[in-house]
Protein backbone atom coordinates (compact mmCIF):
# COMPACT_ATOMS: atom_id res chain seq x y z
CA MET A 1 -18.01 1.84 15.60
CA GLY A 2 -20.07 2.33 12.06
CA SER A 3 -19.99 -0.02 9.25
CA VAL A 4 -17.10 -0.36 7.04
CA LYS A 5 -17.32 0.82 3.54
CA LYS A 6 -13.60 1.48 2.31
CA ILE A 7 -11.18 -0.81 3.29
CA MET A 8 -7.38 0.55 2.57
CA ALA A 9 -4.58 -2.15 2.12
CA ALA A 10 -1.18 0.11 2.06
CA VAL A 11 1.38 -2.04 0.47
CA ASP A 12 5.08 -1.34 -0.79
CA PHE A 13 5.57 -4.75 -2.89
CA SER A 14 7.96 -6.02 -0.49
CA ASP A 15 7.72 -9.73 0.31
CA TYR A 16 5.03 -9.36 2.66
CA SER A 17 2.30 -7.42 0.57
CA GLY A 18 0.99 -10.32 -1.23
CA ALA A 19 -0.20 -11.40 2.12
CA THR A 20 -1.57 -7.70 3.13
CA LEU A 21 -3.25 -7.17 0.16
CA LYS A 22 -4.88 -10.77 0.07
CA TYR A 23 -6.38 -10.01 3.85
CA ALA A 24 -7.70 -6.55 2.98
CA ALA A 25 -9.46 -8.18 0.07
CA MET A 26 -10.85 -10.91 1.77
CA LEU A 27 -12.32 -8.05 4.39
CA SER A 28 -13.62 -5.94 1.75
CA GLY A 29 -15.32 -9.07 0.33
CA ALA A 30 -16.76 -10.29 3.35
CA LEU A 31 -17.95 -7.00 4.37
CA LYS A 32 -18.80 -5.87 0.95
CA ALA A 33 -16.39 -2.98 1.18
CA THR A 34 -14.69 -1.24 -1.33
CA LEU A 35 -10.92 -2.05 -1.47
CA VAL A 36 -8.50 0.92 -1.65
CA VAL A 37 -5.04 -0.22 -2.88
CA ALA A 38 -2.56 2.60 -1.75
CA ASN A 39 1.13 2.60 -2.68
CA VAL A 40 3.42 5.45 -1.97
CA LEU A 41 6.93 5.90 -4.07
CA ASN A 42 9.13 7.29 -1.32
CA GLN A 43 10.50 10.97 -1.88
CA ARG A 44 14.18 9.78 -1.34
CA ASP A 45 14.21 7.86 -4.07
CA VAL A 46 12.83 10.75 -6.02
CA GLU A 47 15.32 12.81 -5.04
CA ALA A 48 18.13 10.44 -5.43
CA ILE A 49 16.87 10.43 -9.09
CA ARG A 50 16.80 14.13 -9.12
CA ARG A 51 20.38 14.16 -8.13
CA VAL A 52 21.24 12.02 -10.94
CA GLU A 53 19.05 13.74 -13.39
CA ALA A 54 21.18 17.06 -12.88
CA GLU A 55 24.29 15.23 -13.41
CA GLY A 56 22.64 15.01 -17.18
CA VAL A 57 22.95 11.16 -17.23
CA GLY A 58 19.67 11.17 -19.17
CA VAL A 59 17.40 9.60 -16.73
CA THR A 60 14.35 12.22 -15.78
CA VAL A 61 12.17 12.40 -12.37
CA GLU A 62 9.02 12.27 -14.57
CA LYS A 63 10.10 9.39 -16.41
CA TYR A 64 11.35 7.59 -13.69
CA ILE A 65 8.10 8.40 -11.57
CA ALA A 66 5.70 7.36 -14.90
CA ASN A 67 7.59 3.93 -14.81
CA GLN A 68 7.54 3.38 -11.26
CA LYS A 69 3.64 3.99 -11.37
CA ARG A 70 3.36 1.91 -14.71
CA ASP A 71 4.93 -1.15 -12.88
CA ARG A 72 3.26 -0.87 -9.59
CA GLU A 73 0.02 -0.78 -11.56
CA ALA A 74 1.08 -4.01 -13.08
CA VAL A 75 2.18 -5.68 -9.92
CA THR A 76 -1.24 -4.34 -8.09
CA ASP A 77 -3.02 -6.40 -10.97
CA GLN A 78 -0.84 -9.80 -10.31
CA LEU A 79 -1.64 -9.32 -6.72
CA LEU A 80 -5.22 -9.04 -7.26
CA LYS A 81 -5.57 -11.84 -9.79
CA GLU A 82 -3.49 -13.96 -7.46
CA SER A 83 -5.98 -13.51 -4.55
CA ASN A 84 -9.04 -14.08 -7.07
CA CYS A 85 -10.23 -10.74 -6.08
CA GLN A 86 -10.47 -8.92 -9.03
CA ASP A 87 -14.54 -8.53 -9.12
CA LEU A 88 -13.96 -6.42 -5.76
CA PRO A 89 -14.59 -2.53 -6.12
CA THR A 90 -11.33 -1.49 -5.91
CA ILE A 91 -9.84 1.84 -5.85
CA ARG A 92 -5.76 2.50 -6.75
CA VAL A 93 -3.90 5.34 -4.93
CA PHE A 94 -0.56 5.92 -6.01
CA ARG A 95 1.33 8.94 -4.53
CA VAL A 96 4.91 10.38 -3.98
CA GLY A 97 5.98 11.68 -0.96
CA VAL A 98 7.05 10.57 2.27
CA PRO A 99 5.06 6.98 2.70
CA TRP A 100 3.32 7.64 6.68
CA VAL A 101 2.66 10.95 5.78
CA GLU A 102 0.86 10.23 2.30
CA LEU A 103 -0.85 7.26 3.88
CA LEU A 104 -2.52 9.11 6.52
CA GLU A 105 -3.84 11.68 3.37
CA ILE A 106 -5.11 8.74 1.61
CA VAL A 107 -7.30 7.77 4.42
CA LYS A 108 -8.71 11.24 4.80
CA ASP A 109 -8.93 11.94 0.88
CA GLN A 110 -10.84 8.61 0.32
CA GLY A 111 -12.85 8.22 3.34
CA VAL A 112 -11.43 4.98 4.30
CA ASP A 113 -12.88 3.22 7.33
CA LEU A 114 -10.00 0.54 8.08
CA VAL A 115 -6.19 0.30 7.13
CA VAL A 116 -4.76 -3.04 6.84
CA MET A 117 -0.94 -3.04 6.72
CA GLY A 118 2.04 -4.88 7.04
CA THR A 119 4.36 -4.91 10.17
CA LYS A 120 7.29 -5.18 8.04
CA GLY A 121 8.15 -3.82 4.70
CA ARG A 122 11.29 -3.11 2.39
CA SER A 123 13.96 -2.43 4.64
CA ASN A 124 14.92 -3.40 8.18
CA ILE A 125 17.72 -0.91 8.51
CA ALA A 126 15.98 2.31 7.59
CA ASN A 127 13.18 1.09 10.42
CA THR A 128 16.13 1.08 12.83
CA LEU A 129 17.38 4.76 11.65
CA PHE A 130 14.09 6.46 11.03
CA GLY A 131 11.35 4.42 12.44
CA SER A 132 8.93 2.14 10.56
CA THR A 133 6.29 3.57 8.51
CA ALA A 134 4.04 0.61 9.98
CA GLU A 135 4.85 2.35 13.18
CA LYS A 136 4.13 5.78 12.79
CA VAL A 137 0.78 5.15 10.88
CA PHE A 138 -0.21 2.74 13.75
CA ARG A 139 0.27 6.02 16.20
CA ARG A 140 -1.46 8.83 14.07
CA CYS A 141 -3.98 6.81 11.94
CA SER A 142 -7.61 8.26 12.64
CA VAL A 143 -9.11 4.68 11.79
CA PRO A 144 -8.55 1.68 13.38
CA VAL A 145 -5.13 -0.27 11.77
CA LEU A 146 -4.93 -4.08 11.40
CA SER A 147 -1.79 -5.65 11.25
CA VAL A 148 -0.86 -8.42 8.75
CA ARG A 149 2.10 -10.22 10.61
CA GLY A 150 4.90 -11.57 7.75
CA LYS A 151 3.96 -14.06 5.19
CA GLU A 152 2.19 -16.45 7.12
CA HIS A 153 -1.26 -15.30 5.94
CA GLU A 154 -0.28 -16.02 2.25
CA ALA A 155 -2.81 -18.80 1.83
CA ILE A 156 -5.74 -16.64 2.69
CA ALA A 157 -8.41 -16.52 -0.17
CA CYS A 158 -10.84 -14.06 -1.12
CA SER A 159 -14.60 -15.24 -0.94
CA ARG A 160 -17.66 -13.15 -1.31
CA THR A 161 -19.87 -15.84 0.89
CA PHE A 162 -19.08 -16.29 4.57
């Protein structure tokens, strides 16, 4: 295995995202790697808004996506601030689509060497019906995937010196 130059934190802004981002940031700092923060707005949510838009309620898909992107960037800023890692070289990637498909595309597009993601996300019922995003990424990813289990890693702090 070569050197790790880019580490991707796959975050969905569930209760577990803080721990995932902190762990990825800590690794990025230790390895002097660029941190890629990846978030995917699920296409199912966009399609639901599209159906509402078609009914003429005044909501548009474009506004919804723009608002989601703005809100998610603000949450990312806050999570980076909480982990004391604002000084890390960071790339933010926001996509719309099927989460596991988009995450695998981001790995390729950004030249990611390691993925850090949580084992749990927003919904447990969807995982039962469709299979988890994490499981699909673990099975199909072309680079190593590190699993952060739950919120027990919340206390991790970023440090550039180890």
